[in-house]
Amino acid sequence: MSRRYDCVEKAGRAEGVAAAKTAVGNGDLVVIPTDTVYGIGCDAFVHAAVNDLLEAKGRGRDMPVPVLVGTVKAANALVESLGMYGQDLMDAFWPGPLTLILRANRSLSWDLGDTKGTVAVRMPLHQIALDLLKETGPMAVSSANRSGMPPATTVEQAEEQLGDSVSVYLDGGPCDENVPSTIVDLTTAVPRVLRKGAIPIEKIRPVVGYLATED
């Protein structure tokens, strides 16, 4: 049976975050608000939980799950290297709607799908998400919707699509933005935009110089 917590007010937020922390620790799925859309997440290091997440979304391993972190230090522990531009991009746009593709730390025991040795990592600009992430550590988080359906921008939309597959729903109110994060791949010689999103390319180029796009 799913539980929903009203986290709009500070009083309810602490109770909701505590319940979500417990659920994540038990290997269950939770839905959380972010600065883009609602996300469905779990402990990034519990293989069964990540599989449950993919199943709840109706998504295959060929679309690996991104990872959200609560601190830049946590992101550093997940990757082999930030490369030439990773730190500068984090300084400029984190917390915020920028996802970076980096080489994953090969010593970590996790299975996010067919990642080919990479990880998509982001630090969201949303206090509820950050409060939880600082308690749980890195979480595998994807948009809170069934594959092929529109991403949820309210907790009600997420609940309609995901139902009892999720243990805890944190209601942070409607998302201010429904634009996904911009994704930049830093695993190649030249940074490449894999998905245009909330941060315009024009703002990223001054940080990295040349920026390849799919256009």
N, C-alpha and C. Protein backbone atom coordinates (compact mmCIF):
# COMPACT_ATOMS: atom_id res chain seq x y z
N MET A 1 0.84 -1.19 0.00
CA MET A 1 0.00 0.00 0.00
C MET A 1 0.88 1.25 0.00
N SER A 2 0.67 2.11 -0.96
CA SER A 2 1.46 3.33 -1.07
C SER A 2 1.03 4.35 -0.02
N ARG A 3 1.98 5.20 0.37
CA ARG A 3 1.69 6.31 1.27
C ARG A 3 2.12 7.61 0.60
N ARG A 4 1.28 8.64 0.77
CA ARG A 4 1.61 9.94 0.21
C ARG A 4 1.78 10.95 1.35
N TYR A 5 2.83 11.77 1.24
CA TYR A 5 3.12 12.77 2.27
C TYR A 5 3.10 14.16 1.65
N ASP A 6 2.38 15.07 2.29
CA ASP A 6 2.34 16.46 1.86
C ASP A 6 3.59 17.16 2.37
N CYS A 7 4.52 17.46 1.46
CA CYS A 7 5.79 18.06 1.84
C CYS A 7 5.88 19.53 1.47
N VAL A 8 4.74 20.12 1.08
CA VAL A 8 4.75 21.54 0.73
C VAL A 8 5.08 22.36 1.96
N GLU A 9 4.46 22.02 3.09
CA GLU A 9 4.75 22.71 4.35
C GLU A 9 5.92 22.02 5.05
N LYS A 10 6.71 22.81 5.75
CA LYS A 10 7.92 22.30 6.39
C LYS A 10 7.61 21.20 7.40
N ALA A 11 6.48 21.33 8.11
CA ALA A 11 6.13 20.36 9.15
C ALA A 11 5.97 18.96 8.56
N GLY A 12 5.29 18.87 7.43
CA GLY A 12 5.08 17.57 6.81
C GLY A 12 6.30 17.05 6.07
N ARG A 13 7.20 17.95 5.72
CA ARG A 13 8.36 17.56 4.93
C ARG A 13 9.27 16.60 5.68
N ALA A 14 9.52 16.89 6.94
CA ALA A 14 10.42 16.05 7.73
C ALA A 14 9.87 14.63 7.84
N GLU A 15 8.55 14.51 8.06
CA GLU A 15 7.93 13.19 8.16
C GLU A 15 8.03 12.45 6.84
N GLY A 16 7.77 13.16 5.74
CA GLY A 16 7.83 12.54 4.43
C GLY A 16 9.23 12.09 4.06
N VAL A 17 10.20 12.95 4.29
CA VAL A 17 11.59 12.60 3.97
C VAL A 17 12.04 11.41 4.80
N ALA A 18 11.65 11.37 6.07
CA ALA A 18 12.02 10.23 6.93
C ALA A 18 11.41 8.94 6.41
N ALA A 19 10.13 9.00 5.98
CA ALA A 19 9.48 7.80 5.45
C ALA A 19 10.13 7.36 4.15
N ALA A 20 10.48 8.31 3.30
CA ALA A 20 11.13 7.98 2.03
C ALA A 20 12.51 7.39 2.27
N LYS A 21 13.23 7.93 3.24
CA LYS A 21 14.56 7.39 3.57
C LYS A 21 14.44 5.93 3.99
N THR A 22 13.45 5.63 4.84
CA THR A 22 13.25 4.25 5.28
C THR A 22 12.90 3.35 4.11
N ALA A 23 12.02 3.84 3.23
CA ALA A 23 11.62 3.04 2.06
C ALA A 23 12.82 2.74 1.17
N VAL A 24 13.63 3.75 0.90
CA VAL A 24 14.83 3.55 0.07
C VAL A 24 15.76 2.55 0.73
N GLY A 25 15.92 2.67 2.04
CA GLY A 25 16.77 1.74 2.77
C GLY A 25 16.27 0.31 2.73
N ASN A 26 14.96 0.15 2.55
CA ASN A 26 14.36 -1.18 2.45
C ASN A 26 14.35 -1.72 1.03
N GLY A 27 14.91 -0.95 0.10
CA GLY A 27 14.93 -1.39 -1.30
C GLY A 27 13.66 -1.10 -2.05
N ASP A 28 12.82 -0.21 -1.52
CA ASP A 28 11.56 0.13 -2.18
C ASP A 28 11.72 1.35 -3.08
N LEU A 29 10.68 1.63 -3.86
CA LEU A 29 10.67 2.76 -4.77
C LEU A 29 9.95 3.94 -4.13
N VAL A 30 10.42 5.16 -4.44
CA VAL A 30 9.78 6.38 -3.96
C VAL A 30 9.62 7.34 -5.13
N VAL A 31 8.67 8.24 -5.01
CA VAL A 31 8.50 9.31 -6.00
C VAL A 31 8.78 10.64 -5.30
N ILE A 32 9.62 11.46 -5.95
CA ILE A 32 10.04 12.73 -5.35
C ILE A 32 9.91 13.85 -6.37
N PRO A 33 9.66 15.08 -5.89
CA PRO A 33 9.68 16.23 -6.80
C PRO A 33 11.12 16.64 -7.08
N THR A 34 11.37 17.16 -8.27
CA THR A 34 12.68 17.74 -8.59
C THR A 34 12.44 19.10 -9.24
N ASP A 35 13.52 19.71 -9.67
CA ASP A 35 13.42 21.03 -10.30
C ASP A 35 12.95 20.95 -11.75
N THR A 36 12.79 19.74 -12.27
CA THR A 36 12.28 19.59 -13.63
C THR A 36 10.91 18.92 -13.58
N VAL A 37 10.86 17.62 -13.38
CA VAL A 37 9.60 16.88 -13.25
C VAL A 37 9.73 15.94 -12.05
N TYR A 38 8.63 15.27 -11.70
CA TYR A 38 8.70 14.28 -10.63
C TYR A 38 9.54 13.09 -11.08
N GLY A 39 10.25 12.50 -10.11
CA GLY A 39 11.10 11.36 -10.41
C GLY A 39 10.73 10.15 -9.58
N ILE A 40 10.95 8.97 -10.14
CA ILE A 40 10.81 7.71 -9.39
C ILE A 40 12.22 7.21 -9.11
N GLY A 41 12.49 6.91 -7.84
CA GLY A 41 13.86 6.59 -7.49
C GLY A 41 14.00 5.47 -6.49
N CYS A 42 15.26 5.04 -6.31
CA CYS A 42 15.61 3.98 -5.37
C CYS A 42 17.10 4.08 -5.08
N ASP A 43 17.56 3.25 -4.16
CA ASP A 43 18.99 3.17 -3.86
C ASP A 43 19.73 2.72 -5.12
N ALA A 44 20.69 3.52 -5.55
CA ALA A 44 21.41 3.23 -6.79
C ALA A 44 22.23 1.94 -6.70
N PHE A 45 22.48 1.45 -5.48
CA PHE A 45 23.36 0.30 -5.32
C PHE A 45 22.61 -0.99 -5.01
N VAL A 46 21.28 -0.94 -5.02
CA VAL A 46 20.48 -2.15 -4.79
C VAL A 46 19.96 -2.63 -6.14
N HIS A 47 20.55 -3.70 -6.65
CA HIS A 47 20.24 -4.17 -8.00
C HIS A 47 18.76 -4.47 -8.18
N ALA A 48 18.16 -5.15 -7.19
CA ALA A 48 16.75 -5.53 -7.31
C ALA A 48 15.86 -4.30 -7.37
N ALA A 49 16.23 -3.26 -6.61
CA ALA A 49 15.43 -2.04 -6.61
C ALA A 49 15.48 -1.34 -7.96
N VAL A 50 16.66 -1.31 -8.57
CA VAL A 50 16.79 -0.70 -9.90
C VAL A 50 15.97 -1.50 -10.92
N ASN A 51 16.01 -2.82 -10.81
CA ASN A 51 15.18 -3.64 -11.70
C ASN A 51 13.70 -3.35 -11.51
N ASP A 52 13.29 -3.18 -10.25
CA ASP A 52 11.89 -2.84 -9.96
C ASP A 52 11.52 -1.49 -10.58
N LEU A 53 12.46 -0.56 -10.53
CA LEU A 53 12.22 0.77 -11.12
C LEU A 53 11.99 0.64 -12.63
N LEU A 54 12.86 -0.10 -13.29
CA LEU A 54 12.71 -0.29 -14.73
C LEU A 54 11.39 -0.97 -15.06
N GLU A 55 11.02 -1.95 -14.24
CA GLU A 55 9.76 -2.67 -14.47
C GLU A 55 8.56 -1.76 -14.24
N ALA A 56 8.62 -0.92 -13.21
CA ALA A 56 7.51 -0.01 -12.91
C ALA A 56 7.28 0.96 -14.07
N LYS A 57 8.36 1.37 -14.72
CA LYS A 57 8.26 2.29 -15.85
C LYS A 57 7.95 1.58 -17.16
N GLY A 58 8.16 0.25 -17.19
CA GLY A 58 8.03 -0.46 -18.45
C GLY A 58 9.18 -0.12 -19.38
N ARG A 59 10.36 -0.04 -18.82
CA ARG A 59 11.53 0.43 -19.55
C ARG A 59 12.59 -0.66 -19.56
N GLY A 60 13.33 -0.77 -20.65
CA GLY A 60 14.35 -1.79 -20.77
C GLY A 60 15.71 -1.34 -20.27
N ARG A 61 16.63 -2.30 -20.16
CA ARG A 61 17.98 -2.01 -19.70
C ARG A 61 18.77 -1.17 -20.69
N ASP A 62 18.27 -1.08 -21.93
CA ASP A 62 18.96 -0.29 -22.94
C ASP A 62 18.83 1.21 -22.68
N MET A 63 17.99 1.59 -21.70
CA MET A 63 17.86 3.00 -21.30
C MET A 63 18.25 3.10 -19.83
N PRO A 64 19.55 3.18 -19.53
CA PRO A 64 20.02 3.16 -18.14
C PRO A 64 19.43 4.29 -17.30
N VAL A 65 19.37 4.05 -16.00
CA VAL A 65 18.78 5.01 -15.09
C VAL A 65 19.83 6.05 -14.67
N PRO A 66 19.50 7.34 -14.74
CA PRO A 66 20.42 8.36 -14.23
C PRO A 66 20.53 8.30 -12.71
N VAL A 67 21.51 9.00 -12.17
CA VAL A 67 21.73 9.05 -10.73
C VAL A 67 21.66 10.50 -10.25
N LEU A 68 20.90 10.74 -9.19
CA LEU A 68 20.85 12.05 -8.55
C LEU A 68 21.69 12.01 -7.29
N VAL A 69 22.37 13.11 -7.02
CA VAL A 69 23.22 13.24 -5.83
C VAL A 69 22.84 14.50 -5.07
N GLY A 70 23.17 14.49 -3.77
CA GLY A 70 22.86 15.65 -2.94
C GLY A 70 24.02 16.60 -2.77
N THR A 71 25.23 16.17 -3.19
CA THR A 71 26.42 17.01 -3.07
C THR A 71 27.35 16.75 -4.25
N VAL A 72 28.21 17.70 -4.53
CA VAL A 72 29.22 17.52 -5.57
C VAL A 72 30.21 16.44 -5.15
N LYS A 73 30.51 16.36 -3.84
CA LYS A 73 31.42 15.34 -3.33
C LYS A 73 30.90 13.94 -3.65
N ALA A 74 29.59 13.75 -3.50
CA ALA A 74 29.00 12.44 -3.82
C ALA A 74 29.16 12.11 -5.30
N ALA A 75 29.01 13.11 -6.15
CA ALA A 75 29.18 12.89 -7.59
C ALA A 75 30.61 12.46 -7.90
N ASN A 76 31.56 13.10 -7.26
CA ASN A 76 32.97 12.77 -7.50
C ASN A 76 33.28 11.32 -7.17
N ALA A 77 32.61 10.78 -6.16
CA ALA A 77 32.87 9.40 -5.75
C ALA A 77 32.33 8.39 -6.74
N LEU A 78 31.43 8.82 -7.62
CA LEU A 78 30.78 7.91 -8.56
C LEU A 78 31.52 7.78 -9.88
N VAL A 79 32.48 8.67 -10.13
CA VAL A 79 33.08 8.74 -11.46
C VAL A 79 34.59 8.55 -11.40
N GLU A 80 35.14 8.12 -12.53
CA GLU A 80 36.60 7.98 -12.63
C GLU A 80 37.28 9.34 -12.63
N SER A 81 36.68 10.26 -13.36
CA SER A 81 37.26 11.59 -13.49
C SER A 81 36.20 12.56 -13.98
N LEU A 82 36.33 13.82 -13.59
CA LEU A 82 35.44 14.86 -14.10
C LEU A 82 35.91 15.39 -15.45
N GLY A 83 37.09 14.95 -15.87
CA GLY A 83 37.60 15.40 -17.16
C GLY A 83 37.96 16.88 -17.15
N MET A 84 38.07 17.43 -18.33
CA MET A 84 38.52 18.81 -18.46
C MET A 84 37.45 19.81 -18.06
N TYR A 85 36.18 19.45 -18.23
CA TYR A 85 35.12 20.44 -18.06
C TYR A 85 34.11 20.13 -16.97
N GLY A 86 34.18 18.94 -16.39
CA GLY A 86 33.16 18.54 -15.42
C GLY A 86 33.03 19.47 -14.24
N GLN A 87 34.16 19.81 -13.62
CA GLN A 87 34.10 20.68 -12.44
C GLN A 87 33.57 22.06 -12.80
N ASP A 88 34.01 22.60 -13.94
CA ASP A 88 33.54 23.93 -14.35
C ASP A 88 32.04 23.94 -14.59
N LEU A 89 31.52 22.88 -15.19
CA LEU A 89 30.07 22.80 -15.44
C LEU A 89 29.29 22.65 -14.15
N MET A 90 29.83 21.85 -13.21
CA MET A 90 29.17 21.73 -11.91
C MET A 90 29.15 23.07 -11.18
N ASP A 91 30.28 23.77 -11.22
CA ASP A 91 30.36 25.08 -10.55
C ASP A 91 29.36 26.07 -11.15
N ALA A 92 29.17 25.98 -12.46
CA ALA A 92 28.30 26.93 -13.15
C ALA A 92 26.82 26.61 -13.02
N PHE A 93 26.46 25.31 -13.00
CA PHE A 93 25.05 24.94 -13.16
C PHE A 93 24.47 24.01 -12.09
N TRP A 94 25.28 23.58 -11.14
CA TRP A 94 24.76 22.72 -10.07
C TRP A 94 24.61 23.49 -8.78
N PRO A 95 23.59 23.20 -7.98
CA PRO A 95 22.48 22.32 -8.33
C PRO A 95 21.62 22.95 -9.42
N GLY A 96 21.10 22.11 -10.30
CA GLY A 96 20.30 22.62 -11.40
C GLY A 96 20.06 21.57 -12.46
N PRO A 97 19.36 21.94 -13.52
CA PRO A 97 18.91 20.98 -14.54
C PRO A 97 19.95 20.67 -15.61
N LEU A 98 21.13 20.24 -15.18
CA LEU A 98 22.18 19.81 -16.10
C LEU A 98 22.64 18.42 -15.71
N THR A 99 22.46 17.46 -16.61
CA THR A 99 22.92 16.08 -16.40
C THR A 99 24.23 15.89 -17.16
N LEU A 100 25.22 15.33 -16.47
CA LEU A 100 26.53 15.09 -17.08
C LEU A 100 26.75 13.59 -17.23
N ILE A 101 27.18 13.19 -18.43
CA ILE A 101 27.57 11.81 -18.69
C ILE A 101 29.07 11.70 -18.48
N LEU A 102 29.47 10.84 -17.53
CA LEU A 102 30.87 10.69 -17.19
C LEU A 102 31.23 9.20 -17.11
N ARG A 103 32.52 8.90 -17.11
CA ARG A 103 32.97 7.53 -16.94
C ARG A 103 32.73 7.11 -15.49
N ALA A 104 32.03 5.99 -15.30
CA ALA A 104 31.70 5.54 -13.95
C ALA A 104 32.91 4.96 -13.25
N ASN A 105 32.96 5.14 -11.94
CA ASN A 105 33.99 4.54 -11.11
C ASN A 105 33.89 3.01 -11.22
N ARG A 106 34.92 2.39 -11.72
CA ARG A 106 34.86 0.95 -12.00
C ARG A 106 34.85 0.09 -10.74
N SER A 107 35.17 0.69 -9.59
CA SER A 107 35.19 -0.09 -8.35
C SER A 107 33.81 -0.21 -7.72
N LEU A 108 32.82 0.51 -8.22
CA LEU A 108 31.49 0.51 -7.61
C LEU A 108 30.69 -0.71 -8.04
N SER A 109 29.94 -1.26 -7.09
CA SER A 109 29.10 -2.42 -7.36
C SER A 109 27.67 -1.96 -7.55
N TRP A 110 27.31 -1.69 -8.78
CA TRP A 110 25.94 -1.29 -9.08
C TRP A 110 25.58 -1.75 -10.48
N ASP A 111 24.29 -1.69 -10.79
CA ASP A 111 23.82 -2.10 -12.11
C ASP A 111 22.64 -1.21 -12.48
N LEU A 112 22.92 -0.19 -13.28
CA LEU A 112 21.90 0.80 -13.66
C LEU A 112 21.29 0.51 -15.03
N GLY A 113 21.72 -0.61 -15.63
CA GLY A 113 21.31 -0.93 -16.99
C GLY A 113 22.54 -1.02 -17.88
N ASP A 114 22.34 -0.99 -19.17
CA ASP A 114 23.45 -1.12 -20.11
C ASP A 114 24.13 0.23 -20.30
N THR A 115 24.98 0.60 -19.34
CA THR A 115 25.58 1.93 -19.30
C THR A 115 26.85 2.05 -20.15
N LYS A 116 27.44 0.90 -20.52
CA LYS A 116 28.71 0.90 -21.26
C LYS A 116 29.80 1.66 -20.50
N GLY A 117 29.76 1.50 -19.17
CA GLY A 117 30.81 2.08 -18.34
C GLY A 117 30.65 3.54 -18.01
N THR A 118 29.48 4.10 -18.28
CA THR A 118 29.25 5.51 -17.99
C THR A 118 28.16 5.68 -16.95
N VAL A 119 27.99 6.90 -16.45
CA VAL A 119 26.89 7.22 -15.55
C VAL A 119 26.40 8.63 -15.86
N ALA A 120 25.09 8.79 -15.84
CA ALA A 120 24.48 10.11 -16.00
C ALA A 120 24.16 10.64 -14.62
N VAL A 121 24.79 11.74 -14.23
CA VAL A 121 24.69 12.22 -12.85
C VAL A 121 24.23 13.68 -12.82
N ARG A 122 23.44 14.01 -11.79
CA ARG A 122 22.90 15.37 -11.66
C ARG A 122 22.62 15.68 -10.20
N MET A 123 22.75 16.95 -9.85
CA MET A 123 22.37 17.45 -8.53
C MET A 123 21.21 18.40 -8.73
N PRO A 124 19.99 18.02 -8.30
CA PRO A 124 18.81 18.83 -8.60
C PRO A 124 18.69 20.05 -7.70
N LEU A 125 18.06 21.08 -8.22
CA LEU A 125 17.82 22.31 -7.46
C LEU A 125 16.41 22.26 -6.87
N HIS A 126 16.23 21.37 -5.91
CA HIS A 126 14.94 21.24 -5.24
C HIS A 126 15.20 20.79 -3.81
N GLN A 127 14.69 21.54 -2.83
CA GLN A 127 15.06 21.29 -1.45
C GLN A 127 14.60 19.94 -0.94
N ILE A 128 13.39 19.50 -1.33
CA ILE A 128 12.91 18.20 -0.86
C ILE A 128 13.81 17.09 -1.39
N ALA A 129 14.13 17.14 -2.67
CA ALA A 129 15.01 16.14 -3.26
C ALA A 129 16.39 16.15 -2.58
N LEU A 130 16.93 17.34 -2.37
CA LEU A 130 18.25 17.44 -1.74
C LEU A 130 18.22 16.94 -0.30
N ASP A 131 17.14 17.26 0.44
CA ASP A 131 17.03 16.77 1.81
C ASP A 131 17.08 15.24 1.84
N LEU A 132 16.37 14.60 0.92
CA LEU A 132 16.35 13.14 0.87
C LEU A 132 17.69 12.58 0.43
N LEU A 133 18.26 13.15 -0.61
CA LEU A 133 19.53 12.64 -1.14
C LEU A 133 20.66 12.75 -0.13
N LYS A 134 20.63 13.77 0.71
CA LYS A 134 21.66 13.90 1.74
C LYS A 134 21.50 12.84 2.83
N GLU A 135 20.31 12.27 2.93
CA GLU A 135 20.06 11.20 3.89
C GLU A 135 20.36 9.82 3.29
N THR A 136 20.04 9.64 2.03
CA THR A 136 20.14 8.31 1.41
C THR A 136 21.45 8.07 0.69
N GLY A 137 22.11 9.14 0.25
CA GLY A 137 23.21 8.99 -0.68
C GLY A 137 22.67 8.90 -2.09
N PRO A 138 23.50 8.61 -3.09
CA PRO A 138 23.07 8.62 -4.49
C PRO A 138 21.87 7.72 -4.75
N MET A 139 20.93 8.25 -5.53
CA MET A 139 19.74 7.48 -5.89
C MET A 139 19.63 7.36 -7.40
N ALA A 140 19.22 6.18 -7.85
CA ALA A 140 18.86 6.00 -9.26
C ALA A 140 17.48 6.62 -9.43
N VAL A 141 17.37 7.60 -10.30
CA VAL A 141 16.10 8.33 -10.45
C VAL A 141 15.80 8.56 -11.93
N SER A 142 14.59 8.19 -12.33
CA SER A 142 14.11 8.45 -13.68
C SER A 142 12.80 9.22 -13.57
N SER A 143 12.32 9.75 -14.67
CA SER A 143 11.07 10.50 -14.63
C SER A 143 9.93 9.59 -14.18
N ALA A 144 9.02 10.13 -13.38
CA ALA A 144 7.96 9.33 -12.74
C ALA A 144 6.78 9.15 -13.69
N ASN A 145 6.97 8.29 -14.67
CA ASN A 145 5.92 8.00 -15.63
C ASN A 145 6.17 6.63 -16.27
N ARG A 146 5.14 6.05 -16.83
CA ARG A 146 5.31 4.85 -17.63
C ARG A 146 6.00 5.24 -18.93
N SER A 147 6.83 4.35 -19.43
CA SER A 147 7.57 4.62 -20.66
C SER A 147 6.60 4.95 -21.79
N GLY A 148 6.88 6.06 -22.48
CA GLY A 148 6.04 6.49 -23.58
C GLY A 148 4.95 7.46 -23.18
N MET A 149 4.74 7.64 -21.88
CA MET A 149 3.73 8.58 -21.38
C MET A 149 4.41 9.89 -20.99
N PRO A 150 3.65 10.99 -20.89
CA PRO A 150 4.25 12.27 -20.51
C PRO A 150 4.80 12.22 -19.08
N PRO A 151 5.94 12.84 -18.82
CA PRO A 151 6.47 12.90 -17.45
C PRO A 151 5.48 13.58 -16.51
N ALA A 152 5.46 13.12 -15.27
CA ALA A 152 4.54 13.68 -14.28
C ALA A 152 5.07 15.00 -13.75
N THR A 153 4.20 16.01 -13.72
CA THR A 153 4.56 17.30 -13.12
C THR A 153 3.82 17.54 -11.82
N THR A 154 2.96 16.59 -11.42
CA THR A 154 2.31 16.61 -10.11
C THR A 154 2.38 15.20 -9.53
N VAL A 155 2.25 15.11 -8.22
CA VAL A 155 2.30 13.79 -7.59
C VAL A 155 1.10 12.95 -8.00
N GLU A 156 -0.04 13.61 -8.28
CA GLU A 156 -1.23 12.87 -8.71
C GLU A 156 -0.99 12.18 -10.05
N GLN A 157 -0.34 12.87 -10.97
CA GLN A 157 -0.04 12.26 -12.27
C GLN A 157 0.90 11.07 -12.11
N ALA A 158 1.88 11.19 -11.22
CA ALA A 158 2.80 10.09 -10.98
C ALA A 158 2.06 8.89 -10.39
N GLU A 159 1.17 9.16 -9.44
CA GLU A 159 0.43 8.08 -8.77
C GLU A 159 -0.51 7.37 -9.74
N GLU A 160 -1.11 8.13 -10.65
CA GLU A 160 -2.00 7.53 -11.64
C GLU A 160 -1.26 6.52 -12.51
N GLN A 161 -0.02 6.83 -12.84
CA GLN A 161 0.74 5.98 -13.76
C GLN A 161 1.46 4.83 -13.05
N LEU A 162 1.91 5.08 -11.82
CA LEU A 162 2.80 4.11 -11.17
C LEU A 162 2.13 3.33 -10.03
N GLY A 163 1.06 3.88 -9.47
CA GLY A 163 0.26 3.16 -8.49
C GLY A 163 1.04 2.58 -7.33
N ASP A 164 0.71 1.34 -6.97
CA ASP A 164 1.29 0.69 -5.80
C ASP A 164 2.68 0.11 -6.04
N SER A 165 3.24 0.32 -7.23
CA SER A 165 4.63 -0.09 -7.43
C SER A 165 5.58 0.79 -6.63
N VAL A 166 5.07 1.95 -6.20
CA VAL A 166 5.84 2.91 -5.42
C VAL A 166 5.39 2.85 -3.97
N SER A 167 6.35 2.84 -3.05
CA SER A 167 6.03 2.75 -1.62
C SER A 167 5.65 4.10 -1.03
N VAL A 168 6.41 5.14 -1.37
CA VAL A 168 6.20 6.46 -0.78
C VAL A 168 6.18 7.52 -1.87
N TYR A 169 5.16 8.37 -1.84
CA TYR A 169 5.06 9.53 -2.73
C TYR A 169 5.26 10.80 -1.91
N LEU A 170 6.22 11.63 -2.31
CA LEU A 170 6.42 12.92 -1.66
C LEU A 170 5.80 14.01 -2.53
N ASP A 171 4.81 14.69 -2.00
CA ASP A 171 4.09 15.73 -2.74
C ASP A 171 4.71 17.08 -2.44
N GLY A 172 5.39 17.63 -3.44
CA GLY A 172 5.99 18.94 -3.30
C GLY A 172 5.24 20.00 -4.06
N GLY A 173 3.99 19.68 -4.48
CA GLY A 173 3.23 20.61 -5.28
C GLY A 173 3.61 20.49 -6.75
N PRO A 174 2.93 21.22 -7.62
CA PRO A 174 3.24 21.17 -9.06
C PRO A 174 4.68 21.62 -9.34
N CYS A 175 5.32 20.97 -10.30
CA CYS A 175 6.67 21.38 -10.70
C CYS A 175 6.62 22.75 -11.38
N ASP A 176 7.59 23.59 -11.04
CA ASP A 176 7.63 24.93 -11.64
C ASP A 176 7.95 24.85 -13.13
N GLU A 177 8.78 23.90 -13.49
CA GLU A 177 9.17 23.72 -14.89
C GLU A 177 8.85 22.29 -15.30
N ASN A 178 8.44 22.10 -16.55
CA ASN A 178 8.23 20.74 -17.04
C ASN A 178 9.18 20.43 -18.18
N VAL A 179 10.30 21.17 -18.20
CA VAL A 179 11.33 20.95 -19.22
C VAL A 179 12.39 20.04 -18.61
N PRO A 180 12.79 18.97 -19.29
CA PRO A 180 13.81 18.06 -18.74
C PRO A 180 15.18 18.72 -18.66
N SER A 181 16.07 18.07 -17.96
CA SER A 181 17.43 18.60 -17.85
C SER A 181 18.14 18.51 -19.19
N THR A 182 19.07 19.40 -19.39
CA THR A 182 19.99 19.31 -20.53
C THR A 182 21.02 18.24 -20.23
N ILE A 183 21.31 17.39 -21.21
CA ILE A 183 22.29 16.32 -21.02
C ILE A 183 23.53 16.60 -21.86
N VAL A 184 24.69 16.60 -21.21
CA VAL A 184 25.96 16.82 -21.90
C VAL A 184 26.87 15.62 -21.64
N ASP A 185 27.37 15.04 -22.71
CA ASP A 185 28.26 13.88 -22.65
C ASP A 185 29.71 14.38 -22.58
N LEU A 186 30.39 14.02 -21.47
CA LEU A 186 31.79 14.43 -21.31
C LEU A 186 32.75 13.26 -21.47
N THR A 187 32.28 12.16 -22.05
CA THR A 187 33.13 10.98 -22.22
C THR A 187 33.86 10.98 -23.56
N THR A 188 33.59 11.95 -24.39
CA THR A 188 34.26 12.05 -25.68
C THR A 188 35.22 13.23 -25.67
N ALA A 189 36.05 13.32 -26.68
CA ALA A 189 37.07 14.37 -26.73
C ALA A 189 36.44 15.76 -26.71
N VAL A 190 35.30 15.89 -27.36
CA VAL A 190 34.59 17.16 -27.40
C VAL A 190 33.26 17.00 -26.68
N PRO A 191 32.93 17.86 -25.72
CA PRO A 191 31.62 17.77 -25.05
C PRO A 191 30.49 17.80 -26.07
N ARG A 192 29.49 16.94 -25.86
CA ARG A 192 28.40 16.84 -26.82
C ARG A 192 27.06 16.90 -26.10
N VAL A 193 26.15 17.70 -26.63
CA VAL A 193 24.80 17.78 -26.09
C VAL A 193 23.99 16.59 -26.62
N LEU A 194 23.52 15.74 -25.71
CA LEU A 194 22.71 14.59 -26.10
C LEU A 194 21.22 14.91 -26.04
N ARG A 195 20.85 15.87 -25.20
CA ARG A 195 19.46 16.30 -25.12
C ARG A 195 19.39 17.77 -24.76
N LYS A 196 18.69 18.54 -25.58
CA LYS A 196 18.45 19.94 -25.24
C LYS A 196 17.40 20.00 -24.14
N GLY A 197 17.60 20.91 -23.19
CA GLY A 197 16.68 20.97 -22.07
C GLY A 197 16.65 22.34 -21.42
N ALA A 198 16.53 22.33 -20.10
CA ALA A 198 16.26 23.56 -19.35
C ALA A 198 17.39 24.57 -19.41
N ILE A 199 18.62 24.10 -19.55
CA ILE A 199 19.75 25.03 -19.66
C ILE A 199 20.12 25.19 -21.13
N PRO A 200 19.98 26.40 -21.67
CA PRO A 200 20.25 26.61 -23.10
C PRO A 200 21.70 26.34 -23.46
N ILE A 201 21.89 25.84 -24.67
CA ILE A 201 23.24 25.58 -25.17
C ILE A 201 24.09 26.84 -25.12
N GLU A 202 23.46 27.99 -25.37
CA GLU A 202 24.19 29.26 -25.41
C GLU A 202 24.83 29.58 -24.06
N LYS A 203 24.27 29.06 -22.97
CA LYS A 203 24.86 29.30 -21.66
C LYS A 203 25.98 28.32 -21.35
N ILE A 204 25.96 27.16 -22.00
CA ILE A 204 26.98 26.14 -21.74
C ILE A 204 28.25 26.40 -22.53
N ARG A 205 28.10 26.89 -23.75
CA ARG A 205 29.27 27.08 -24.63
C ARG A 205 30.37 27.94 -24.01
N PRO A 206 30.04 29.05 -23.33
CA PRO A 206 31.12 29.85 -22.74
C PRO A 206 31.95 29.11 -21.70
N VAL A 207 31.38 28.05 -21.11
CA VAL A 207 32.10 27.30 -20.08
C VAL A 207 33.06 26.29 -20.70
N VAL A 208 32.65 25.66 -21.80
CA VAL A 208 33.44 24.57 -22.38
C VAL A 208 34.12 24.94 -23.70
N GLY A 209 33.77 26.08 -24.25
CA GLY A 209 34.30 26.41 -25.57
C GLY A 209 33.46 25.74 -26.64
N TYR A 210 34.07 24.88 -27.45
CA TYR A 210 33.31 24.21 -28.51
C TYR A 210 32.40 23.15 -27.90
N LEU A 211 31.16 23.10 -28.37
CA LEU A 211 30.17 22.15 -27.88
C LEU A 211 29.46 21.53 -29.07
N ALA A 212 29.63 20.23 -29.23
CA ALA A 212 28.99 19.54 -30.34
C ALA A 212 27.51 19.32 -30.04
N THR A 213 26.68 19.38 -31.06
CA THR A 213 25.25 19.11 -30.93
C THR A 213 24.84 18.09 -31.98
N GLU A 214 23.62 17.60 -31.84
CA GLU A 214 23.10 16.62 -32.81
C GLU A 214 22.59 17.28 -34.08
N ASP A 215 22.54 18.60 -34.09
CA ASP A 215 22.02 19.32 -35.27
C ASP A 215 22.98 19.20 -36.45
